[in-house]
Amino acid sequence: MSDQVDQELAVMDERAAKNEAVLPDIIERDIAELCRHPALTLDVSATIGDAIAMMQHHHVGAVVITQEGKLAGILTERDLLMKVLGKVDDYRDQSVTELMTARPESLRRGDELVYLMNAMYVGGFRHMPIVDDNDVPQHVVSLRDVLALILDQVADRIRNIPTTPYRGDRKRYSG
């Protein structure tokens, strides 16, 4: 019985080591690595129509709402989908404050990615405002940005597999 337990523990350690091969280096990096574009901001006086137009024009999934230049909220494509479409008829002239997430969590460029990943995972966020020391929005990091960073670390392995999944012995792809 003890040999089986030891063998199972060895397998668990081996699996954990494979998973940790990519993540430790990444999660200790600064969020600044993902801050490639300035945050798109609108004042609290803006309308939902303004926000939609900005998101469509810039092909982004979130806009940051500010009051006197500081972070006041965030409005995301998910907010629009879950709170507006099919529920509210005349939404374009409504204030962004009616739909935005007020006082959202935020992080700073120098914070480690592990805090971003934790907040997104635990909070279910897809977008995170990145602010400066004065709470002025600088960037928005999306879940897609995080995923791209992780996938870049294993790009060769992902690029070099067949386009059709292999459904036989999975040991074929173990590294």
N, C-alpha and C. Protein backbone atom coordinates (compact mmCIF):
# COMPACT_ATOMS: atom_id res chain seq x y z
N MET A 1 0.82 -1.20 0.00
CA MET A 1 0.00 0.00 0.00
C MET A 1 0.86 1.26 0.00
N SER A 2 1.93 1.27 0.79
CA SER A 2 2.81 2.42 0.88
C SER A 2 3.49 2.72 -0.46
N ASP A 3 3.83 1.67 -1.19
CA ASP A 3 4.45 1.86 -2.51
C ASP A 3 3.49 2.56 -3.46
N GLN A 4 2.19 2.22 -3.40
CA GLN A 4 1.19 2.85 -4.25
C GLN A 4 1.05 4.34 -3.92
N VAL A 5 1.05 4.65 -2.65
CA VAL A 5 0.95 6.04 -2.22
C VAL A 5 2.18 6.82 -2.68
N ASP A 6 3.36 6.23 -2.47
CA ASP A 6 4.60 6.89 -2.91
C ASP A 6 4.60 7.12 -4.41
N GLN A 7 4.13 6.11 -5.14
CA GLN A 7 4.09 6.22 -6.60
C GLN A 7 3.11 7.33 -7.02
N GLU A 8 1.94 7.39 -6.38
CA GLU A 8 0.95 8.42 -6.70
C GLU A 8 1.49 9.81 -6.37
N LEU A 9 2.17 9.95 -5.24
CA LEU A 9 2.77 11.23 -4.88
C LEU A 9 3.85 11.65 -5.89
N ALA A 10 4.61 10.70 -6.37
CA ALA A 10 5.63 11.00 -7.37
C ALA A 10 4.99 11.49 -8.67
N VAL A 11 3.89 10.86 -9.07
CA VAL A 11 3.17 11.28 -10.28
C VAL A 11 2.63 12.69 -10.09
N MET A 12 2.06 12.98 -8.92
CA MET A 12 1.52 14.31 -8.64
C MET A 12 2.63 15.36 -8.69
N ASP A 13 3.79 15.04 -8.10
CA ASP A 13 4.91 15.98 -8.14
C ASP A 13 5.39 16.23 -9.55
N GLU A 14 5.43 15.19 -10.36
CA GLU A 14 5.86 15.32 -11.76
C GLU A 14 4.89 16.22 -12.53
N ARG A 15 3.58 16.01 -12.33
CA ARG A 15 2.58 16.85 -13.00
C ARG A 15 2.68 18.30 -12.55
N ALA A 16 2.86 18.50 -11.28
CA ALA A 16 2.98 19.87 -10.75
C ALA A 16 4.22 20.55 -11.34
N ALA A 17 5.33 19.82 -11.45
CA ALA A 17 6.54 20.40 -12.01
C ALA A 17 6.34 20.81 -13.46
N LYS A 18 5.61 20.01 -14.23
CA LYS A 18 5.32 20.36 -15.63
C LYS A 18 4.49 21.63 -15.70
N ASN A 19 3.47 21.75 -14.83
CA ASN A 19 2.62 22.93 -14.84
C ASN A 19 3.38 24.17 -14.38
N GLU A 20 4.29 24.02 -13.46
CA GLU A 20 5.03 25.15 -12.94
C GLU A 20 6.14 25.60 -13.87
N ALA A 21 6.43 24.82 -14.90
CA ALA A 21 7.52 25.16 -15.80
C ALA A 21 7.30 26.50 -16.49
N VAL A 22 6.07 26.87 -16.76
CA VAL A 22 5.77 28.11 -17.46
C VAL A 22 5.35 29.21 -16.50
N LEU A 23 4.48 28.91 -15.58
CA LEU A 23 3.84 29.96 -14.78
C LEU A 23 4.71 30.73 -13.80
N PRO A 24 5.63 30.15 -13.06
CA PRO A 24 6.33 30.95 -12.06
C PRO A 24 7.02 32.19 -12.64
N ASP A 25 7.68 32.04 -13.76
CA ASP A 25 8.35 33.20 -14.35
C ASP A 25 7.34 34.26 -14.77
N ILE A 26 6.23 33.83 -15.30
CA ILE A 26 5.23 34.77 -15.79
C ILE A 26 4.57 35.51 -14.64
N ILE A 27 4.13 34.80 -13.63
CA ILE A 27 3.34 35.44 -12.58
C ILE A 27 4.14 36.43 -11.74
N GLU A 28 5.45 36.34 -11.80
CA GLU A 28 6.28 37.28 -11.05
C GLU A 28 6.62 38.53 -11.86
N ARG A 29 6.27 38.55 -13.13
CA ARG A 29 6.54 39.72 -13.96
C ARG A 29 5.59 40.85 -13.60
N ASP A 30 5.98 42.06 -13.99
CA ASP A 30 5.13 43.23 -13.73
C ASP A 30 3.98 43.29 -14.74
N ILE A 31 2.86 43.81 -14.28
CA ILE A 31 1.71 44.02 -15.15
C ILE A 31 2.09 44.94 -16.31
N ALA A 32 3.07 45.78 -16.12
CA ALA A 32 3.50 46.73 -17.16
C ALA A 32 3.77 46.03 -18.49
N GLU A 33 4.17 44.78 -18.42
CA GLU A 33 4.45 44.01 -19.64
C GLU A 33 3.21 43.88 -20.53
N LEU A 34 2.03 43.96 -19.94
CA LEU A 34 0.79 43.84 -20.69
C LEU A 34 0.16 45.20 -21.02
N CYS A 35 0.76 46.26 -20.58
CA CYS A 35 0.20 47.61 -20.76
C CYS A 35 0.72 48.21 -22.06
N ARG A 36 0.08 47.85 -23.14
CA ARG A 36 0.56 48.27 -24.46
C ARG A 36 -0.17 49.48 -25.03
N HIS A 37 -1.39 49.71 -24.59
CA HIS A 37 -2.20 50.79 -25.14
C HIS A 37 -2.81 51.60 -24.00
N PRO A 38 -2.95 52.90 -24.21
CA PRO A 38 -3.58 53.72 -23.16
C PRO A 38 -5.05 53.34 -22.97
N ALA A 39 -5.53 53.53 -21.76
CA ALA A 39 -6.95 53.25 -21.47
C ALA A 39 -7.83 54.21 -22.26
N LEU A 40 -8.92 53.70 -22.74
CA LEU A 40 -9.94 54.54 -23.36
C LEU A 40 -10.87 54.98 -22.26
N THR A 41 -11.01 56.28 -22.09
CA THR A 41 -11.79 56.80 -20.98
C THR A 41 -12.94 57.68 -21.45
N LEU A 42 -13.98 57.69 -20.66
CA LEU A 42 -15.12 58.59 -20.84
C LEU A 42 -15.46 59.17 -19.48
N ASP A 43 -15.92 60.39 -19.47
CA ASP A 43 -16.35 61.04 -18.24
C ASP A 43 -17.70 60.45 -17.79
N VAL A 44 -18.01 60.60 -16.52
CA VAL A 44 -19.28 60.09 -15.99
C VAL A 44 -20.48 60.75 -16.67
N SER A 45 -20.28 61.85 -17.35
CA SER A 45 -21.38 62.53 -18.05
C SER A 45 -21.70 61.88 -19.39
N ALA A 46 -20.91 60.91 -19.83
CA ALA A 46 -21.12 60.26 -21.13
C ALA A 46 -22.34 59.36 -21.10
N THR A 47 -22.80 59.03 -22.28
CA THR A 47 -23.96 58.14 -22.42
C THR A 47 -23.49 56.73 -22.82
N ILE A 48 -24.39 55.81 -22.69
CA ILE A 48 -24.10 54.44 -23.12
C ILE A 48 -23.82 54.42 -24.62
N GLY A 49 -24.53 55.25 -25.37
CA GLY A 49 -24.27 55.35 -26.81
C GLY A 49 -22.84 55.80 -27.08
N ASP A 50 -22.35 56.75 -26.30
CA ASP A 50 -20.96 57.21 -26.43
C ASP A 50 -19.99 56.04 -26.19
N ALA A 51 -20.27 55.29 -25.15
CA ALA A 51 -19.40 54.17 -24.78
C ALA A 51 -19.40 53.11 -25.88
N ILE A 52 -20.58 52.77 -26.39
CA ILE A 52 -20.67 51.77 -27.46
C ILE A 52 -19.90 52.24 -28.69
N ALA A 53 -20.09 53.50 -29.06
CA ALA A 53 -19.40 54.04 -30.24
C ALA A 53 -17.88 53.95 -30.06
N MET A 54 -17.39 54.28 -28.86
CA MET A 54 -15.95 54.23 -28.61
C MET A 54 -15.44 52.79 -28.67
N MET A 55 -16.17 51.87 -28.05
CA MET A 55 -15.76 50.48 -28.04
C MET A 55 -15.74 49.91 -29.47
N GLN A 56 -16.74 50.24 -30.26
CA GLN A 56 -16.80 49.75 -31.63
C GLN A 56 -15.69 50.36 -32.48
N HIS A 57 -15.48 51.65 -32.33
CA HIS A 57 -14.47 52.34 -33.13
C HIS A 57 -13.06 51.81 -32.86
N HIS A 58 -12.77 51.52 -31.60
CA HIS A 58 -11.43 51.08 -31.21
C HIS A 58 -11.30 49.56 -31.09
N HIS A 59 -12.40 48.85 -31.32
CA HIS A 59 -12.40 47.38 -31.24
C HIS A 59 -11.90 46.88 -29.89
N VAL A 60 -12.48 47.43 -28.82
CA VAL A 60 -12.13 47.01 -27.47
C VAL A 60 -13.37 46.55 -26.73
N GLY A 61 -13.16 45.85 -25.64
CA GLY A 61 -14.26 45.30 -24.88
C GLY A 61 -14.59 46.06 -23.62
N ALA A 62 -13.90 47.19 -23.37
CA ALA A 62 -14.17 47.94 -22.15
C ALA A 62 -13.71 49.38 -22.28
N VAL A 63 -14.43 50.26 -21.61
CA VAL A 63 -14.00 51.65 -21.46
C VAL A 63 -14.01 51.98 -19.97
N VAL A 64 -13.07 52.83 -19.59
CA VAL A 64 -12.96 53.24 -18.21
C VAL A 64 -13.72 54.55 -18.04
N ILE A 65 -14.49 54.62 -16.99
CA ILE A 65 -15.28 55.82 -16.70
C ILE A 65 -14.56 56.61 -15.61
N THR A 66 -14.40 57.91 -15.88
CA THR A 66 -13.66 58.75 -14.94
C THR A 66 -14.54 59.87 -14.41
N GLN A 67 -14.15 60.37 -13.26
CA GLN A 67 -14.77 61.56 -12.68
C GLN A 67 -13.62 62.43 -12.20
N GLU A 68 -13.55 63.62 -12.77
CA GLU A 68 -12.43 64.53 -12.49
C GLU A 68 -11.09 63.85 -12.76
N GLY A 69 -11.08 63.03 -13.82
CA GLY A 69 -9.85 62.38 -14.26
C GLY A 69 -9.49 61.11 -13.52
N LYS A 70 -10.21 60.78 -12.46
CA LYS A 70 -9.88 59.60 -11.65
C LYS A 70 -10.85 58.47 -11.94
N LEU A 71 -10.41 57.25 -11.67
CA LEU A 71 -11.22 56.06 -11.90
C LEU A 71 -12.53 56.12 -11.12
N ALA A 72 -13.63 56.01 -11.85
CA ALA A 72 -14.95 55.99 -11.21
C ALA A 72 -15.68 54.69 -11.51
N GLY A 73 -15.36 54.08 -12.67
CA GLY A 73 -16.05 52.86 -13.04
C GLY A 73 -15.48 52.26 -14.30
N ILE A 74 -16.07 51.15 -14.70
CA ILE A 74 -15.70 50.50 -15.95
C ILE A 74 -16.99 49.97 -16.58
N LEU A 75 -17.07 50.11 -17.88
CA LEU A 75 -18.21 49.58 -18.64
C LEU A 75 -17.66 48.62 -19.66
N THR A 76 -18.16 47.39 -19.64
CA THR A 76 -17.63 46.34 -20.52
C THR A 76 -18.69 45.83 -21.47
N GLU A 77 -18.23 45.13 -22.48
CA GLU A 77 -19.16 44.51 -23.41
C GLU A 77 -20.08 43.53 -22.70
N ARG A 78 -19.58 42.89 -21.67
CA ARG A 78 -20.41 41.95 -20.90
C ARG A 78 -21.52 42.71 -20.16
N ASP A 79 -21.20 43.89 -19.63
CA ASP A 79 -22.23 44.71 -19.00
C ASP A 79 -23.35 45.00 -19.99
N LEU A 80 -22.97 45.38 -21.19
CA LEU A 80 -23.97 45.70 -22.22
C LEU A 80 -24.81 44.47 -22.57
N LEU A 81 -24.16 43.36 -22.72
CA LEU A 81 -24.88 42.13 -23.08
C LEU A 81 -25.83 41.67 -21.98
N MET A 82 -25.35 41.70 -20.74
CA MET A 82 -26.14 41.15 -19.65
C MET A 82 -27.17 42.13 -19.06
N LYS A 83 -26.91 43.43 -19.16
CA LYS A 83 -27.77 44.41 -18.51
C LYS A 83 -28.65 45.20 -19.47
N VAL A 84 -28.31 45.19 -20.78
CA VAL A 84 -29.03 46.05 -21.71
C VAL A 84 -29.78 45.28 -22.78
N LEU A 85 -29.05 44.53 -23.58
CA LEU A 85 -29.66 43.89 -24.74
C LEU A 85 -30.80 42.96 -24.36
N GLY A 86 -31.95 43.22 -24.93
CA GLY A 86 -33.14 42.44 -24.65
C GLY A 86 -33.88 42.84 -23.38
N LYS A 87 -33.34 43.81 -22.65
CA LYS A 87 -33.95 44.23 -21.39
C LYS A 87 -34.35 45.71 -21.40
N VAL A 88 -33.56 46.53 -22.05
CA VAL A 88 -33.79 47.97 -22.06
C VAL A 88 -33.93 48.42 -23.50
N ASP A 89 -35.03 49.10 -23.80
CA ASP A 89 -35.27 49.52 -25.18
C ASP A 89 -34.46 50.76 -25.57
N ASP A 90 -34.58 51.81 -24.81
CA ASP A 90 -33.92 53.06 -25.18
C ASP A 90 -32.73 53.29 -24.25
N TYR A 91 -31.61 52.68 -24.60
CA TYR A 91 -30.45 52.73 -23.72
C TYR A 91 -29.38 53.73 -24.18
N ARG A 92 -29.37 54.10 -25.42
CA ARG A 92 -28.29 54.92 -25.97
C ARG A 92 -28.10 56.26 -25.24
N ASP A 93 -29.19 56.86 -24.77
CA ASP A 93 -29.08 58.16 -24.11
C ASP A 93 -28.97 58.06 -22.59
N GLN A 94 -28.98 56.85 -22.07
CA GLN A 94 -28.82 56.68 -20.62
C GLN A 94 -27.37 56.96 -20.22
N SER A 95 -27.18 57.39 -19.01
CA SER A 95 -25.85 57.67 -18.50
C SER A 95 -25.07 56.37 -18.31
N VAL A 96 -23.77 56.44 -18.56
CA VAL A 96 -22.93 55.27 -18.33
C VAL A 96 -22.94 54.85 -16.86
N THR A 97 -23.24 55.79 -15.99
CA THR A 97 -23.25 55.48 -14.56
C THR A 97 -24.35 54.50 -14.19
N GLU A 98 -25.38 54.38 -15.04
CA GLU A 98 -26.46 53.45 -14.76
C GLU A 98 -26.06 52.00 -14.99
N LEU A 99 -25.04 51.77 -15.81
CA LEU A 99 -24.64 50.40 -16.13
C LEU A 99 -23.23 50.03 -15.70
N MET A 100 -22.39 51.02 -15.51
CA MET A 100 -21.00 50.73 -15.21
C MET A 100 -20.86 50.01 -13.87
N THR A 101 -19.74 49.35 -13.73
CA THR A 101 -19.36 48.82 -12.43
C THR A 101 -18.63 49.95 -11.72
N ALA A 102 -19.24 50.46 -10.68
CA ALA A 102 -18.66 51.59 -9.95
C ALA A 102 -17.52 51.12 -9.05
N ARG A 103 -16.54 51.97 -8.87
CA ARG A 103 -15.39 51.70 -8.00
C ARG A 103 -14.82 50.30 -8.23
N PRO A 104 -14.45 49.99 -9.47
CA PRO A 104 -13.91 48.65 -9.74
C PRO A 104 -12.54 48.47 -9.10
N GLU A 105 -12.18 47.22 -8.89
CA GLU A 105 -10.82 46.95 -8.44
C GLU A 105 -9.87 47.44 -9.51
N SER A 106 -8.70 47.83 -9.10
CA SER A 106 -7.68 48.27 -10.04
C SER A 106 -6.32 47.85 -9.53
N LEU A 107 -5.36 47.86 -10.41
CA LEU A 107 -3.99 47.54 -10.05
C LEU A 107 -3.07 48.57 -10.67
N ARG A 108 -1.78 48.44 -10.39
CA ARG A 108 -0.79 49.38 -10.93
C ARG A 108 0.20 48.64 -11.80
N ARG A 109 0.88 49.37 -12.65
CA ARG A 109 1.83 48.78 -13.60
C ARG A 109 2.92 47.95 -12.91
N GLY A 110 3.35 48.34 -11.75
CA GLY A 110 4.43 47.64 -11.06
C GLY A 110 3.98 46.43 -10.26
N ASP A 111 2.67 46.20 -10.17
CA ASP A 111 2.18 45.02 -9.45
C ASP A 111 2.50 43.77 -10.26
N GLU A 112 2.69 42.66 -9.56
CA GLU A 112 2.99 41.40 -10.24
C GLU A 112 1.74 40.84 -10.90
N LEU A 113 1.96 40.12 -11.98
CA LEU A 113 0.85 39.51 -12.73
C LEU A 113 0.03 38.54 -11.88
N VAL A 114 0.65 37.95 -10.86
CA VAL A 114 -0.09 37.02 -10.02
C VAL A 114 -1.30 37.70 -9.38
N TYR A 115 -1.19 38.99 -9.06
CA TYR A 115 -2.31 39.72 -8.46
C TYR A 115 -3.41 39.98 -9.49
N LEU A 116 -3.01 40.25 -10.71
CA LEU A 116 -3.97 40.42 -11.79
C LEU A 116 -4.72 39.11 -12.05
N MET A 117 -3.97 38.03 -12.15
CA MET A 117 -4.58 36.73 -12.42
C MET A 117 -5.52 36.32 -11.29
N ASN A 118 -5.11 36.57 -10.04
CA ASN A 118 -5.95 36.26 -8.90
C ASN A 118 -7.24 37.05 -8.94
N ALA A 119 -7.14 38.36 -9.17
CA ALA A 119 -8.34 39.20 -9.20
C ALA A 119 -9.28 38.77 -10.31
N MET A 120 -8.73 38.47 -11.47
CA MET A 120 -9.58 38.06 -12.59
C MET A 120 -10.25 36.71 -12.31
N TYR A 121 -9.49 35.79 -11.75
CA TYR A 121 -10.03 34.46 -11.48
C TYR A 121 -11.07 34.49 -10.36
N VAL A 122 -10.69 35.08 -9.24
CA VAL A 122 -11.58 35.10 -8.07
C VAL A 122 -12.79 36.00 -8.32
N GLY A 123 -12.56 37.16 -8.92
CA GLY A 123 -13.64 38.12 -9.15
C GLY A 123 -14.44 37.89 -10.42
N GLY A 124 -13.93 37.02 -11.30
CA GLY A 124 -14.62 36.76 -12.55
C GLY A 124 -14.51 37.92 -13.54
N PHE A 125 -13.45 38.72 -13.40
CA PHE A 125 -13.27 39.88 -14.28
C PHE A 125 -12.62 39.47 -15.58
N ARG A 126 -12.97 40.17 -16.64
CA ARG A 126 -12.32 39.98 -17.94
C ARG A 126 -11.48 41.19 -18.31
N HIS A 127 -11.66 42.27 -17.58
CA HIS A 127 -10.91 43.51 -17.81
C HIS A 127 -10.52 44.11 -16.47
N MET A 128 -9.29 44.63 -16.40
CA MET A 128 -8.81 45.24 -15.16
C MET A 128 -8.21 46.60 -15.47
N PRO A 129 -8.74 47.66 -14.85
CA PRO A 129 -8.12 48.98 -15.01
C PRO A 129 -6.76 49.03 -14.31
N ILE A 130 -5.81 49.63 -14.98
CA ILE A 130 -4.48 49.84 -14.41
C ILE A 130 -4.35 51.35 -14.20
N VAL A 131 -4.10 51.75 -12.97
CA VAL A 131 -4.08 53.17 -12.61
C VAL A 131 -2.70 53.57 -12.11
N ASP A 132 -2.46 54.89 -12.06
CA ASP A 132 -1.21 55.38 -11.48
C ASP A 132 -1.43 55.63 -9.99
N ASP A 133 -0.44 56.22 -9.35
CA ASP A 133 -0.51 56.45 -7.89
C ASP A 133 -1.63 57.40 -7.49
N ASN A 134 -2.13 58.19 -8.45
CA ASN A 134 -3.21 59.14 -8.17
C ASN A 134 -4.58 58.62 -8.60
N ASP A 135 -4.67 57.33 -8.90
CA ASP A 135 -5.91 56.68 -9.31
C ASP A 135 -6.40 57.16 -10.69
N VAL A 136 -5.47 57.61 -11.51
CA VAL A 136 -5.79 58.03 -12.88
C VAL A 136 -5.59 56.82 -13.78
N PRO A 137 -6.62 56.42 -14.54
CA PRO A 137 -6.50 55.25 -15.42
C PRO A 137 -5.41 55.44 -16.47
N GLN A 138 -4.59 54.40 -16.61
CA GLN A 138 -3.51 54.41 -17.58
C GLN A 138 -3.75 53.37 -18.69
N HIS A 139 -4.24 52.21 -18.30
CA HIS A 139 -4.42 51.09 -19.24
C HIS A 139 -5.60 50.24 -18.79
N VAL A 140 -6.02 49.35 -19.66
CA VAL A 140 -6.95 48.28 -19.30
C VAL A 140 -6.32 47.00 -19.81
N VAL A 141 -6.17 46.02 -18.93
CA VAL A 141 -5.62 44.72 -19.31
C VAL A 141 -6.79 43.75 -19.38
N SER A 142 -6.83 43.00 -20.46
CA SER A 142 -7.91 42.04 -20.65
C SER A 142 -7.43 40.62 -20.40
N LEU A 143 -8.37 39.74 -20.20
CA LEU A 143 -8.07 38.32 -20.03
C LEU A 143 -7.35 37.80 -21.28
N ARG A 144 -7.72 38.33 -22.43
CA ARG A 144 -7.06 37.94 -23.68
C ARG A 144 -5.57 38.30 -23.64
N ASP A 145 -5.23 39.45 -23.06
CA ASP A 145 -3.83 39.85 -22.93
C ASP A 145 -3.05 38.85 -22.08
N VAL A 146 -3.65 38.42 -20.98
CA VAL A 146 -3.01 37.46 -20.09
C VAL A 146 -2.83 36.13 -20.81
N LEU A 147 -3.86 35.67 -21.48
CA LEU A 147 -3.79 34.41 -22.20
C LEU A 147 -2.71 34.46 -23.28
N ALA A 148 -2.63 35.56 -24.00
CA ALA A 148 -1.61 35.69 -25.04
C ALA A 148 -0.20 35.59 -24.45
N LEU A 149 0.02 36.20 -23.30
CA LEU A 149 1.33 36.13 -22.66
C LEU A 149 1.68 34.69 -22.30
N ILE A 150 0.71 33.97 -21.74
CA ILE A 150 0.95 32.57 -21.37
C ILE A 150 1.19 31.72 -22.61
N LEU A 151 0.36 31.91 -23.63
CA LEU A 151 0.51 31.11 -24.84
C LEU A 151 1.82 31.40 -25.56
N ASP A 152 2.31 32.62 -25.46
CA ASP A 152 3.60 32.95 -26.06
C ASP A 152 4.72 32.09 -25.47
N GLN A 153 4.57 31.67 -24.23
CA GLN A 153 5.59 30.85 -23.57
C GLN A 153 5.63 29.42 -24.08
N VAL A 154 4.52 28.98 -24.65
CA VAL A 154 4.44 27.60 -25.16
C VAL A 154 4.07 27.60 -26.64
N ALA A 155 4.40 28.69 -27.31
CA ALA A 155 3.99 28.88 -28.71
C ALA A 155 4.47 27.76 -29.63
N ASP A 156 5.72 27.34 -29.49
CA ASP A 156 6.23 26.30 -30.38
C ASP A 156 5.46 25.00 -30.22
N ARG A 157 5.14 24.66 -29.01
CA ARG A 157 4.39 23.42 -28.76
C ARG A 157 2.98 23.52 -29.34
N ILE A 158 2.37 24.69 -29.24
CA ILE A 158 1.01 24.88 -29.76
C ILE A 158 1.01 24.93 -31.28
N ARG A 159 1.97 25.65 -31.85
CA ARG A 159 2.03 25.78 -33.32
C ARG A 159 2.33 24.47 -34.02
N ASN A 160 3.05 23.59 -33.37
CA ASN A 160 3.54 22.37 -34.02
C ASN A 160 2.67 21.15 -33.81
N ILE A 161 1.43 21.34 -33.40
CA ILE A 161 0.54 20.19 -33.32
C ILE A 161 -0.35 20.18 -34.55
N PRO A 162 -0.88 19.02 -34.91
CA PRO A 162 -1.78 18.97 -36.06
C PRO A 162 -3.04 19.78 -35.79
N THR A 163 -3.68 20.27 -36.84
CA THR A 163 -4.90 21.06 -36.65
C THR A 163 -6.08 20.22 -36.20
N THR A 164 -6.03 18.93 -36.46
CA THR A 164 -7.09 18.03 -36.02
C THR A 164 -6.63 17.32 -34.75
N PRO A 165 -7.44 17.33 -33.69
CA PRO A 165 -7.02 16.68 -32.45
C PRO A 165 -6.75 15.20 -32.62
N TYR A 166 -5.72 14.73 -31.97
CA TYR A 166 -5.41 13.31 -31.93
C TYR A 166 -6.18 12.71 -30.77
N ARG A 167 -6.92 11.67 -31.03
CA ARG A 167 -7.78 11.11 -29.99
C ARG A 167 -7.32 9.73 -29.53
N GLY A 168 -6.07 9.44 -29.79
CA GLY A 168 -5.49 8.17 -29.34
C GLY A 168 -4.78 8.35 -28.02
N ASP A 169 -3.63 7.70 -27.88
CA ASP A 169 -2.83 7.74 -26.67
C ASP A 169 -2.29 9.14 -26.45
N ARG A 170 -2.67 9.82 -25.38
CA ARG A 170 -2.27 11.20 -25.11
C ARG A 170 -0.80 11.33 -24.73
N LYS A 171 -0.14 10.25 -24.42
CA LYS A 171 1.28 10.31 -24.07
C LYS A 171 2.10 10.82 -25.26
N ARG A 172 1.53 10.75 -26.43
CA ARG A 172 2.20 11.20 -27.65
C ARG A 172 2.62 12.66 -27.53
N TYR A 173 1.84 13.49 -26.82
CA TYR A 173 2.11 14.93 -26.73
C TYR A 173 2.76 15.34 -25.43
N SER A 174 3.06 14.43 -24.55
CA SER A 174 3.65 14.84 -23.28
C SER A 174 5.08 15.30 -23.53
N GLY A 175 5.46 16.30 -22.79
CA GLY A 175 6.76 16.92 -23.01
C GLY A 175 7.76 16.50 -22.03
